[in-house]
Amino acid sequence: MKLSRLSAALGMSVLLAACATPWEVSDVNTIMEAPAPTAGSAFTKALFAEYKAETAQEAKNEYEWDHAAIFARKGLRAAAGEMVGPEEVNTTWYAPDSRVKELTDARARLIGYFGNGARERVPAAAAKAQAKFDCWMEEEAENDANSDCRAAFLKIEPELQVKPAMAPAAPRIVKTFVVYFDFNKATLTKDAQRVLKEVAAAQAEIKPTGIYVSGHTDTVGNSAYNDKLSNSRAKAVAAGLSKLGVGSKIDQKAFGMTKLAVPTKGNVKEGKNRRVEISFEK
C-alpha cells in the first residue's frame, strides 16, 4: 500500500467510528474502489459483488466500519478467486444462545446446498445466500432476531435446492383399430385387410410413438389352446401390417380369453371377442 493511501485512510478513520482501525478503513476503501474481478468462477465473482454491497451497507448506512471491514476482506479474497466460506456460528459474531440453533441449522443447509452443486448451478443465488447468511449472523449479534438479512436468506434459499426432475408425460393411447376373425381361425379376412390399410394410412398421418397389437379369443376351448390362437392372430396382423410398411414399432402381445370385449360364460362363441386390437400410442 502506498504511503499516501495509508495516510488518507488514517485521516478518514478519525472521522469515522472510533472502533475502526486505519487498516479496517483501508480495507473498506479498497473493496469500494475495486473493479469487478476477471479471475475466478462465476460464484466467486458474484460473491465479491455481494460482499461489496454488504460492505457499503455497513460503512455508509450503519457507520460500522469495523464490521464493514470483515465483509470487505472476504470480498477481496473472493475477487482473487478464493472459495470463501460462510461465517462459522459464534466465531466472528456471537449470537444469543437462544438463536444459535436456527443459525447452525441454516448454515448446515447452506453447506449442504453447496455440496450438491448450488455454487455451480446457481452461482448468483448461492453468493447472495452466503452473504445474507453472514449479514444475518452480524445482525443476530446486535440482538436483531428478525432482520432483513434473515428474511433475504430464507427467501432465496429455495433457489439453491435441487429441484426434482419432472417425470415425462406418460404416453397415451390416441387411436385403436379392431380386426375380427372367424371362429377358430387366425387368417385375415377381406374386412381385416381393409382395416389394416386404414391402420397404415393413419400411421403415416398420426406418426405414433408406439403401436400395440394384442390378440384375443372367445371362451370356446381351454386356456392353453386359446393362448396359442390369440398369439397366432396377433402374428397374422403384425405380418399384414409389416407388408403395408407398418412394423418397426409394433409391440405384440396375446391374451387368450382373459380380456373379453363382451363378457360371456365359458364355451360361448362371440364374434366380438375373436379379435386383434391395434392401438396407437403417442
C-alpha atoms as a PDB file:
ATOM      1  CA  MET A   1       0.000   0.000   0.000  1.00  0.00           C
ATOM      2  CA  LYS A   2       1.358   3.431  -0.898  1.00  0.00           C
ATOM      3  CA  LEU A   3       2.046   5.792   1.998  1.00  0.00           C
ATOM      4  CA  SER A   4      -0.392   8.394   0.651  1.00  0.00           C
ATOM      5  CA  ARG A   5      -3.170   5.790   0.618  1.00  0.00           C
ATOM      6  CA  LEU A   6      -2.497   4.770   4.189  1.00  0.00           C
ATOM      7  CA  SER A   7      -2.332   8.402   5.259  1.00  0.00           C
ATOM      8  CA  ALA A   8      -5.708   9.074   3.695  1.00  0.00           C
ATOM      9  CA  ALA A   9      -7.111   6.048   5.475  1.00  0.00           C
ATOM     10  CA  LEU A  10      -5.690   7.299   8.758  1.00  0.00           C
ATOM     11  CA  GLY A  11      -7.319  10.669   8.227  1.00  0.00           C
ATOM     12  CA  MET A  12     -10.691   9.158   7.438  1.00  0.00           C
ATOM     13  CA  SER A  13     -10.593   6.930  10.474  1.00  0.00           C
ATOM     14  CA  VAL A  14     -10.605   9.974  12.744  1.00  0.00           C
ATOM     15  CA  LEU A  15     -13.960  10.994  11.280  1.00  0.00           C
ATOM     16  CA  LEU A  16     -15.477   7.531  11.435  1.00  0.00           C
ATOM     17  CA  ALA A  17     -16.392   5.157  14.238  1.00  0.00           C
ATOM     18  CA  ALA A  18     -13.773   5.127  16.921  1.00  0.00           C
ATOM     19  CA  CYS A  19     -13.676   1.318  16.950  1.00  0.00           C
ATOM     20  CA  ALA A  20     -12.473   1.114  13.323  1.00  0.00           C
ATOM     21  CA  THR A  21      -8.732   0.875  12.840  1.00  0.00           C
ATOM     22  CA  PRO A  22      -6.915   2.554   9.967  1.00  0.00           C
ATOM     23  CA  TRP A  23      -6.380  -0.883   8.448  1.00  0.00           C
ATOM     24  CA  GLU A  24     -10.103  -1.646   8.555  1.00  0.00           C
ATOM     25  CA  VAL A  25     -10.901   1.679   6.906  1.00  0.00           C
ATOM     26  CA  SER A  26      -8.284   0.945   4.259  1.00  0.00           C
ATOM     27  CA  ASP A  27      -9.810  -2.493   3.515  1.00  0.00           C
ATOM     28  CA  VAL A  28     -13.239  -0.918   3.130  1.00  0.00           C
ATOM     29  CA  ASN A  29     -11.901   1.730   0.773  1.00  0.00           C
ATOM     30  CA  THR A  30     -10.037  -0.886  -1.234  1.00  0.00           C
ATOM     31  CA  ILE A  31     -13.085  -3.018  -1.997  1.00  0.00           C
ATOM     32  CA  MET A  32     -15.256   0.013  -2.682  1.00  0.00           C
ATOM     33  CA  GLU A  33     -12.774   1.174  -5.326  1.00  0.00           C
ATOM     34  CA  ALA A  34     -12.113  -2.293  -6.759  1.00  0.00           C
ATOM     35  CA  PRO A  35     -13.463  -3.152 -10.219  1.00  0.00           C
ATOM     36  CA  ALA A  36     -15.340  -6.354 -10.894  1.00  0.00           C
ATOM     37  CA  PRO A  37     -12.876  -9.268 -10.917  1.00  0.00           C
ATOM     38  CA  THR A  38     -11.960 -11.042 -14.124  1.00  0.00           C
ATOM     39  CA  ALA A  39     -10.453 -14.115 -12.466  1.00  0.00           C
ATOM     40  CA  GLY A  40     -12.232 -16.862 -10.587  1.00  0.00           C
ATOM     41  CA  SER A  41     -15.512 -18.701 -11.044  1.00  0.00           C
ATOM     42  CA  ALA A  42     -18.970 -17.292 -11.597  1.00  0.00           C
ATOM     43  CA  PHE A  43     -19.625 -17.918  -7.900  1.00  0.00           C
ATOM     44  CA  THR A  44     -16.541 -16.086  -6.596  1.00  0.00           C
ATOM     45  CA  LYS A  45     -17.218 -13.151  -8.911  1.00  0.00           C
ATOM     46  CA  ALA A  46     -20.808 -12.943  -7.654  1.00  0.00           C
ATOM     47  CA  LEU A  47     -19.612 -13.352  -4.067  1.00  0.00           C
ATOM     48  CA  PHE A  48     -17.275 -10.371  -4.484  1.00  0.00           C
ATOM     49  CA  ALA A  49     -20.210  -8.230  -5.612  1.00  0.00           C
ATOM     50  CA  GLU A  50     -22.399  -9.386  -2.711  1.00  0.00           C
ATOM     51  CA  TYR A  51     -19.725  -8.727  -0.088  1.00  0.00           C
ATOM     52  CA  LYS A  52     -19.015  -5.342  -1.662  1.00  0.00           C
ATOM     53  CA  ALA A  53     -22.704  -4.481  -1.262  1.00  0.00           C
ATOM     54  CA  GLU A  54     -22.679  -5.617   2.376  1.00  0.00           C
ATOM     55  CA  THR A  55     -19.534  -3.558   2.969  1.00  0.00           C
ATOM     56  CA  ALA A  56     -21.229  -0.450   1.608  1.00  0.00           C
ATOM     57  CA  GLN A  57     -24.311  -1.073   3.744  1.00  0.00           C
ATOM     58  CA  GLU A  58     -22.302  -1.407   6.937  1.00  0.00           C
ATOM     59  CA  ALA A  59     -19.976   1.525   6.240  1.00  0.00           C
ATOM     60  CA  LYS A  60     -22.259   4.081   4.603  1.00  0.00           C
ATOM     61  CA  ASN A  61     -25.616   3.312   6.216  1.00  0.00           C
ATOM     62  CA  GLU A  62     -24.780   1.653   9.526  1.00  0.00           C
ATOM     63  CA  TYR A  63     -21.496   3.512  10.132  1.00  0.00           C
ATOM     64  CA  GLU A  64     -19.973   0.288  11.435  1.00  0.00           C
ATOM     65  CA  TRP A  65     -16.682   0.318   9.619  1.00  0.00           C
ATOM     66  CA  ASP A  66     -15.169  -2.432  11.734  1.00  0.00           C
ATOM     67  CA  HIS A  67     -17.984  -4.743  10.633  1.00  0.00           C
ATOM     68  CA  ALA A  68     -17.756  -3.447   7.076  1.00  0.00           C
ATOM     69  CA  ALA A  69     -14.089  -4.417   7.031  1.00  0.00           C
ATOM     70  CA  ILE A  70     -14.953  -8.062   7.749  1.00  0.00           C
ATOM     71  CA  PHE A  71     -17.190  -8.185   4.673  1.00  0.00           C
ATOM     72  CA  ALA A  72     -14.583  -6.258   2.684  1.00  0.00           C
ATOM     73  CA  ARG A  73     -11.808  -8.735   3.433  1.00  0.00           C
ATOM     74  CA  LYS A  74     -13.939 -11.695   2.420  1.00  0.00           C
ATOM     75  CA  GLY A  75     -14.957  -9.895  -0.754  1.00  0.00           C
ATOM     76  CA  LEU A  76     -11.334  -9.159  -1.665  1.00  0.00           C
ATOM     77  CA  ARG A  77     -10.448 -12.817  -1.151  1.00  0.00           C
ATOM     78  CA  ALA A  78     -13.329 -13.802  -3.420  1.00  0.00           C
ATOM     79  CA  ALA A  79     -12.082 -11.295  -6.011  1.00  0.00           C
ATOM     80  CA  ALA A  80      -8.818 -13.234  -6.091  1.00  0.00           C
ATOM     81  CA  GLY A  81     -10.755 -16.399  -6.938  1.00  0.00           C
ATOM     82  CA  GLU A  82     -10.711 -17.909  -3.442  1.00  0.00           C
ATOM     83  CA  MET A  83     -13.704 -20.078  -2.498  1.00  0.00           C
ATOM     84  CA  VAL A  84     -14.545 -18.203   0.689  1.00  0.00           C
ATOM     85  CA  GLY A  85     -16.965 -19.983   3.022  1.00  0.00           C
ATOM     86  CA  PRO A  86     -19.845 -18.625   5.108  1.00  0.00           C
ATOM     87  CA  GLU A  87     -19.157 -17.488   8.652  1.00  0.00           C
ATOM     88  CA  GLU A  88     -18.957 -20.102  11.374  1.00  0.00           C
ATOM     89  CA  VAL A  89     -21.642 -19.591  14.011  1.00  0.00           C
ATOM     90  CA  ASN A  90     -20.322 -17.705  17.035  1.00  0.00           C
ATOM     91  CA  THR A  91     -16.823 -17.274  15.685  1.00  0.00           C
ATOM     92  CA  THR A  92     -16.692 -13.740  14.275  1.00  0.00           C
ATOM     93  CA  TRP A  93     -20.020 -12.595  15.669  1.00  0.00           C
ATOM     94  CA  TYR A  94     -21.745 -14.030  18.730  1.00  0.00           C
ATOM     95  CA  ALA A  95     -25.491 -14.572  18.763  1.00  0.00           C
ATOM     96  CA  PRO A  96     -27.604 -15.090  21.873  1.00  0.00           C
ATOM     97  CA  ASP A  97     -27.816 -18.742  22.979  1.00  0.00           C
ATOM     98  CA  SER A  98     -31.488 -18.880  22.013  1.00  0.00           C
ATOM     99  CA  ARG A  99     -30.614 -18.078  18.394  1.00  0.00           C
ATOM    100  CA  VAL A 100     -27.676 -20.455  17.914  1.00  0.00           C
ATOM    101  CA  LYS A 101     -29.710 -23.482  16.815  1.00  0.00           C
ATOM    102  CA  GLU A 102     -31.532 -21.693  13.995  1.00  0.00           C
ATOM    103  CA  LEU A 103     -28.281 -20.200  12.742  1.00  0.00           C
ATOM    104  CA  THR A 104     -26.437 -23.516  12.972  1.00  0.00           C
ATOM    105  CA  ASP A 105     -29.207 -25.321  11.091  1.00  0.00           C
ATOM    106  CA  ALA A 106     -29.320 -22.619   8.409  1.00  0.00           C
ATOM    107  CA  ARG A 107     -25.564 -22.784   7.897  1.00  0.00           C
ATOM    108  CA  ALA A 108     -25.680 -26.577   7.676  1.00  0.00           C
ATOM    109  CA  ARG A 109     -28.364 -26.342   4.992  1.00  0.00           C
ATOM    110  CA  LEU A 110     -26.284 -23.782   3.098  1.00  0.00           C
ATOM    111  CA  ILE A 111     -23.213 -26.025   3.175  1.00  0.00           C
ATOM    112  CA  GLY A 112     -25.404 -28.890   2.004  1.00  0.00           C
ATOM    113  CA  TYR A 113     -26.647 -26.890  -0.979  1.00  0.00           C
ATOM    114  CA  PHE A 114     -23.066 -26.061  -1.885  1.00  0.00           C
ATOM    115  CA  GLY A 115     -22.168 -29.739  -1.631  1.00  0.00           C
ATOM    116  CA  ASN A 116     -24.978 -30.515  -4.067  1.00  0.00           C
ATOM    117  CA  GLY A 117     -23.558 -28.105  -6.637  1.00  0.00           C
ATOM    118  CA  ALA A 118     -25.517 -24.901  -5.928  1.00  0.00           C
ATOM    119  CA  ARG A 119     -22.416 -22.727  -6.424  1.00  0.00           C
ATOM    120  CA  GLU A 120     -22.006 -24.118  -9.932  1.00  0.00           C
ATOM    121  CA  ARG A 121     -25.704 -24.479 -10.763  1.00  0.00           C
ATOM    122  CA  VAL A 122     -26.968 -21.110  -9.494  1.00  0.00           C
ATOM    123  CA  PRO A 123     -23.847 -19.069  -8.658  1.00  0.00           C
ATOM    124  CA  ALA A 124     -25.569 -15.692  -8.216  1.00  0.00           C
ATOM    125  CA  ALA A 125     -28.201 -17.069  -5.845  1.00  0.00           C
ATOM    126  CA  ALA A 126     -25.588 -19.075  -3.935  1.00  0.00           C
ATOM    127  CA  ALA A 127     -23.403 -15.995  -3.492  1.00  0.00           C
ATOM    128  CA  LYS A 128     -26.324 -13.880  -2.275  1.00  0.00           C
ATOM    129  CA  ALA A 129     -27.385 -16.591   0.178  1.00  0.00           C
ATOM    130  CA  GLN A 130     -23.890 -16.775   1.659  1.00  0.00           C
ATOM    131  CA  ALA A 131     -23.531 -13.002   2.031  1.00  0.00           C
ATOM    132  CA  LYS A 132     -27.007 -12.727   3.529  1.00  0.00           C
ATOM    133  CA  PHE A 133     -26.215 -15.513   5.991  1.00  0.00           C
ATOM    134  CA  ASP A 134     -23.084 -13.651   7.130  1.00  0.00           C
ATOM    135  CA  CYS A 135     -25.136 -10.464   7.423  1.00  0.00           C
ATOM    136  CA  TRP A 136     -27.776 -12.387   9.380  1.00  0.00           C
ATOM    137  CA  MET A 137     -25.059 -13.563  11.796  1.00  0.00           C
ATOM    138  CA  GLU A 138     -23.853  -9.994  12.215  1.00  0.00           C
ATOM    139  CA  GLU A 139     -27.348  -8.711  12.934  1.00  0.00           C
ATOM    140  CA  GLU A 140     -28.079 -11.511  15.421  1.00  0.00           C
ATOM    141  CA  ALA A 141     -25.008 -10.354  17.337  1.00  0.00           C
ATOM    142  CA  GLU A 142     -26.760  -6.992  17.582  1.00  0.00           C
ATOM    143  CA  ASN A 143     -29.865  -8.711  19.024  1.00  0.00           C
ATOM    144  CA  ASP A 144     -31.884  -8.381  15.814  1.00  0.00           C
ATOM    145  CA  ALA A 145     -33.574 -11.792  15.592  1.00  0.00           C
ATOM    146  CA  ASN A 146     -35.867 -10.869  12.719  1.00  0.00           C
ATOM    147  CA  SER A 147     -33.536  -8.957  10.442  1.00  0.00           C
ATOM    148  CA  ASP A 148     -33.822  -8.111   6.769  1.00  0.00           C
ATOM    149  CA  CYS A 149     -30.821 -10.346   6.055  1.00  0.00           C
ATOM    150  CA  ARG A 150     -32.510 -13.330   7.710  1.00  0.00           C
ATOM    151  CA  ALA A 151     -35.583 -12.699   5.586  1.00  0.00           C
ATOM    152  CA  ALA A 152     -33.438 -12.370   2.453  1.00  0.00           C
ATOM    153  CA  PHE A 153     -31.616 -15.629   3.184  1.00  0.00           C
ATOM    154  CA  LEU A 154     -34.837 -17.559   3.737  1.00  0.00           C
ATOM    155  CA  LYS A 155     -36.368 -16.066   0.599  1.00  0.00           C
ATOM    156  CA  ILE A 156     -33.519 -17.085  -1.686  1.00  0.00           C
ATOM    157  CA  GLU A 157     -32.887 -20.466  -0.049  1.00  0.00           C
ATOM    158  CA  PRO A 158     -35.373 -22.407  -2.251  1.00  0.00           C
ATOM    159  CA  GLU A 159     -33.388 -21.392  -5.335  1.00  0.00           C
ATOM    160  CA  LEU A 160     -30.421 -23.393  -4.030  1.00  0.00           C
ATOM    161  CA  GLN A 161     -32.329 -26.635  -3.683  1.00  0.00           C
ATOM    162  CA  VAL A 162     -32.012 -29.344  -6.307  1.00  0.00           C
ATOM    163  CA  LYS A 163     -35.396 -29.418  -7.982  1.00  0.00           C
ATOM    164  CA  PRO A 164     -36.669 -32.919  -8.757  1.00  0.00           C
ATOM    165  CA  ALA A 165     -36.726 -33.702 -12.425  1.00  0.00           C
ATOM    166  CA  MET A 166     -40.199 -33.655 -13.860  1.00  0.00           C
ATOM    167  CA  ALA A 167     -41.327 -37.060 -14.988  1.00  0.00           C
ATOM    168  CA  PRO A 168     -42.043 -37.144 -18.699  1.00  0.00           C
ATOM    169  CA  ALA A 169     -45.696 -37.211 -19.600  1.00  0.00           C
ATOM    170  CA  ALA A 170     -46.996 -40.770 -19.739  1.00  0.00           C
ATOM    171  CA  PRO A 171     -47.705 -41.952 -23.262  1.00  0.00           C
ATOM    172  CA  ARG A 172     -51.386 -42.388 -24.024  1.00  0.00           C
ATOM    173  CA  ILE A 173     -53.431 -44.371 -26.496  1.00  0.00           C
ATOM    174  CA  VAL A 174     -54.651 -41.985 -29.187  1.00  0.00           C
ATOM    175  CA  LYS A 175     -56.380 -44.374 -31.614  1.00  0.00           C
ATOM    176  CA  THR A 176     -57.456 -48.015 -31.676  1.00  0.00           C
ATOM    177  CA  PHE A 177     -58.483 -50.304 -34.544  1.00  0.00           C
ATOM    178  CA  VAL A 178     -60.093 -53.758 -34.264  1.00  0.00           C
ATOM    179  CA  VAL A 179     -59.671 -56.703 -36.639  1.00  0.00           C
ATOM    180  CA  TYR A 180     -62.154 -59.562 -36.246  1.00  0.00           C
ATOM    181  CA  PHE A 181     -61.590 -63.258 -37.034  1.00  0.00           C
ATOM    182  CA  ASP A 182     -63.752 -66.192 -37.991  1.00  0.00           C
ATOM    183  CA  PHE A 183     -64.326 -68.881 -35.395  1.00  0.00           C
ATOM    184  CA  ASN A 184     -61.188 -70.865 -34.604  1.00  0.00           C
ATOM    185  CA  LYS A 185     -59.256 -69.046 -37.360  1.00  0.00           C
ATOM    186  CA  ALA A 186     -56.168 -66.826 -37.448  1.00  0.00           C
ATOM    187  CA  THR A 187     -56.331 -65.881 -41.135  1.00  0.00           C
ATOM    188  CA  LEU A 188     -57.074 -62.330 -42.264  1.00  0.00           C
ATOM    189  CA  THR A 189     -60.465 -61.808 -43.917  1.00  0.00           C
ATOM    190  CA  LYS A 190     -61.187 -59.201 -46.576  1.00  0.00           C
ATOM    191  CA  ASP A 191     -62.633 -56.946 -43.887  1.00  0.00           C
ATOM    192  CA  ALA A 192     -59.477 -57.442 -41.841  1.00  0.00           C
ATOM    193  CA  GLN A 193     -57.297 -56.481 -44.828  1.00  0.00           C
ATOM    194  CA  ARG A 194     -59.370 -53.311 -45.235  1.00  0.00           C
ATOM    195  CA  VAL A 195     -58.827 -52.373 -41.589  1.00  0.00           C
ATOM    196  CA  LEU A 196     -55.076 -52.928 -41.919  1.00  0.00           C
ATOM    197  CA  LYS A 197     -54.966 -50.497 -44.838  1.00  0.00           C
ATOM    198  CA  GLU A 198     -56.761 -47.946 -42.650  1.00  0.00           C
ATOM    199  CA  VAL A 199     -54.131 -48.536 -39.966  1.00  0.00           C
ATOM    200  CA  ALA A 200     -51.297 -47.949 -42.440  1.00  0.00           C
ATOM    201  CA  ALA A 201     -52.849 -44.685 -43.655  1.00  0.00           C
ATOM    202  CA  ALA A 202     -53.466 -43.469 -40.090  1.00  0.00           C
ATOM    203  CA  GLN A 203     -49.939 -44.402 -39.038  1.00  0.00           C
ATOM    204  CA  ALA A 204     -48.484 -42.178 -41.743  1.00  0.00           C
ATOM    205  CA  GLU A 205     -50.666 -39.285 -40.592  1.00  0.00           C
ATOM    206  CA  ILE A 206     -50.549 -39.665 -36.796  1.00  0.00           C
ATOM    207  CA  LYS A 207     -46.943 -40.920 -36.560  1.00  0.00           C
ATOM    208  CA  PRO A 208     -47.453 -42.781 -33.270  1.00  0.00           C
ATOM    209  CA  THR A 209     -44.508 -43.366 -30.971  1.00  0.00           C
ATOM    210  CA  GLY A 210     -45.664 -46.924 -30.360  1.00  0.00           C
ATOM    211  CA  ILE A 211     -48.026 -49.467 -31.918  1.00  0.00           C
ATOM    212  CA  TYR A 212     -49.526 -52.284 -29.852  1.00  0.00           C
ATOM    213  CA  VAL A 213     -51.082 -55.409 -31.345  1.00  0.00           C
ATOM    214  CA  SER A 214     -52.997 -57.599 -28.897  1.00  0.00           C
ATOM    215  CA  GLY A 215     -54.624 -60.926 -29.810  1.00  0.00           C
ATOM    216  CA  HIS A 216     -57.810 -62.246 -28.171  1.00  0.00           C
ATOM    217  CA  THR A 217     -60.240 -65.174 -28.408  1.00  0.00           C
ATOM    218  CA  ASP A 218     -63.711 -66.118 -27.266  1.00  0.00           C
ATOM    219  CA  THR A 219     -64.280 -68.630 -24.454  1.00  0.00           C
ATOM    220  CA  VAL A 220     -64.618 -71.769 -26.543  1.00  0.00           C
ATOM    221  CA  GLY A 221     -61.840 -74.224 -25.720  1.00  0.00           C
ATOM    222  CA  ASN A 222     -59.260 -74.361 -22.947  1.00  0.00           C
ATOM    223  CA  SER A 223     -56.862 -71.617 -21.902  1.00  0.00           C
ATOM    224  CA  ALA A 224     -53.724 -73.159 -23.399  1.00  0.00           C
ATOM    225  CA  TYR A 225     -55.327 -73.535 -26.804  1.00  0.00           C
ATOM    226  CA  ASN A 226     -56.746 -70.001 -26.779  1.00  0.00           C
ATOM    227  CA  ASP A 227     -53.405 -68.549 -25.738  1.00  0.00           C
ATOM    228  CA  LYS A 228     -51.839 -70.076 -28.848  1.00  0.00           C
ATOM    229  CA  LEU A 229     -54.757 -68.982 -31.053  1.00  0.00           C
ATOM    230  CA  SER A 230     -54.632 -65.386 -29.823  1.00  0.00           C
ATOM    231  CA  ASN A 231     -50.878 -65.354 -30.435  1.00  0.00           C
ATOM    232  CA  SER A 232     -51.384 -66.608 -33.990  1.00  0.00           C
ATOM    233  CA  ARG A 233     -53.946 -63.872 -34.626  1.00  0.00           C
ATOM    234  CA  ALA A 234     -51.587 -61.195 -33.293  1.00  0.00           C
ATOM    235  CA  LYS A 235     -48.791 -62.538 -35.504  1.00  0.00           C
ATOM    236  CA  ALA A 236     -51.058 -62.524 -38.563  1.00  0.00           C
ATOM    237  CA  VAL A 237     -51.970 -58.869 -38.000  1.00  0.00           C
ATOM    238  CA  ALA A 238     -48.356 -57.851 -37.339  1.00  0.00           C
ATOM    239  CA  ALA A 239     -47.251 -59.594 -40.536  1.00  0.00           C
ATOM    240  CA  GLY A 240     -50.048 -57.933 -42.516  1.00  0.00           C
ATOM    241  CA  LEU A 241     -49.054 -54.507 -41.198  1.00  0.00           C
ATOM    242  CA  SER A 242     -45.415 -55.189 -41.989  1.00  0.00           C
ATOM    243  CA  LYS A 243     -46.318 -55.863 -45.628  1.00  0.00           C
ATOM    244  CA  LEU A 244     -48.002 -52.434 -45.678  1.00  0.00           C
ATOM    245  CA  GLY A 245     -44.890 -50.729 -44.302  1.00  0.00           C
ATOM    246  CA  VAL A 246     -46.028 -50.671 -40.682  1.00  0.00           C
ATOM    247  CA  GLY A 247     -43.940 -52.819 -38.407  1.00  0.00           C
ATOM    248  CA  SER A 248     -40.850 -51.217 -36.915  1.00  0.00           C
ATOM    249  CA  LYS A 249     -42.627 -50.043 -33.744  1.00  0.00           C
ATOM    250  CA  ILE A 250     -45.073 -52.897 -33.140  1.00  0.00           C
ATOM    251  CA  ASP A 251     -45.296 -54.418 -29.644  1.00  0.00           C
ATOM    252  CA  GLN A 252     -47.096 -57.731 -29.979  1.00  0.00           C
ATOM    253  CA  LYS A 253     -48.992 -59.483 -27.153  1.00  0.00           C
ATOM    254  CA  ALA A 254     -51.518 -62.325 -26.780  1.00  0.00           C
ATOM    255  CA  PHE A 255     -54.157 -62.504 -24.041  1.00  0.00           C
ATOM    256  CA  GLY A 256     -56.152 -65.587 -24.989  1.00  0.00           C
ATOM    257  CA  MET A 257     -59.609 -65.371 -23.436  1.00  0.00           C
ATOM    258  CA  THR A 258     -58.573 -63.280 -20.403  1.00  0.00           C
ATOM    259  CA  LYS A 259     -59.711 -59.876 -21.724  1.00  0.00           C
ATOM    260  CA  LEU A 260     -63.123 -60.284 -23.294  1.00  0.00           C
ATOM    261  CA  ALA A 261     -64.735 -57.412 -25.182  1.00  0.00           C
ATOM    262  CA  VAL A 262     -68.107 -58.943 -24.400  1.00  0.00           C
ATOM    263  CA  PRO A 263     -68.248 -60.826 -21.092  1.00  0.00           C
ATOM    264  CA  THR A 264     -69.590 -64.342 -21.585  1.00  0.00           C
ATOM    265  CA  LYS A 265     -69.633 -67.665 -19.825  1.00  0.00           C
ATOM    266  CA  GLY A 266     -67.308 -70.475 -20.873  1.00  0.00           C
ATOM    267  CA  ASN A 267     -67.649 -72.164 -24.245  1.00  0.00           C
ATOM    268  CA  VAL A 268     -69.627 -69.314 -25.784  1.00  0.00           C
ATOM    269  CA  LYS A 269     -68.986 -68.294 -29.384  1.00  0.00           C
ATOM    270  CA  GLU A 270     -68.836 -64.496 -29.513  1.00  0.00           C
ATOM    271  CA  GLY A 271     -67.538 -62.821 -32.672  1.00  0.00           C
ATOM    272  CA  LYS A 272     -66.585 -59.564 -30.934  1.00  0.00           C
ATOM    273  CA  ASN A 273     -64.215 -61.475 -28.668  1.00  0.00           C
ATOM    274  CA  ARG A 274     -62.374 -63.074 -31.609  1.00  0.00           C
ATOM    275  CA  ARG A 275     -60.286 -60.044 -32.365  1.00  0.00           C
ATOM    276  CA  VAL A 276     -56.946 -58.267 -32.532  1.00  0.00           C
ATOM    277  CA  GLU A 277     -56.762 -54.709 -31.240  1.00  0.00           C
ATOM    278  CA  ILE A 278     -54.255 -52.323 -32.830  1.00  0.00           C
ATOM    279  CA  SER A 279     -53.517 -49.301 -30.657  1.00  0.00           C
ATOM    280  CA  PHE A 280     -51.507 -46.157 -31.406  1.00  0.00           C
ATOM    281  CA  GLU A 281     -49.578 -44.642 -28.522  1.00  0.00           C
ATOM    282  CA  LYS A 282     -48.281 -41.091 -28.544  1.00  0.00           C
END
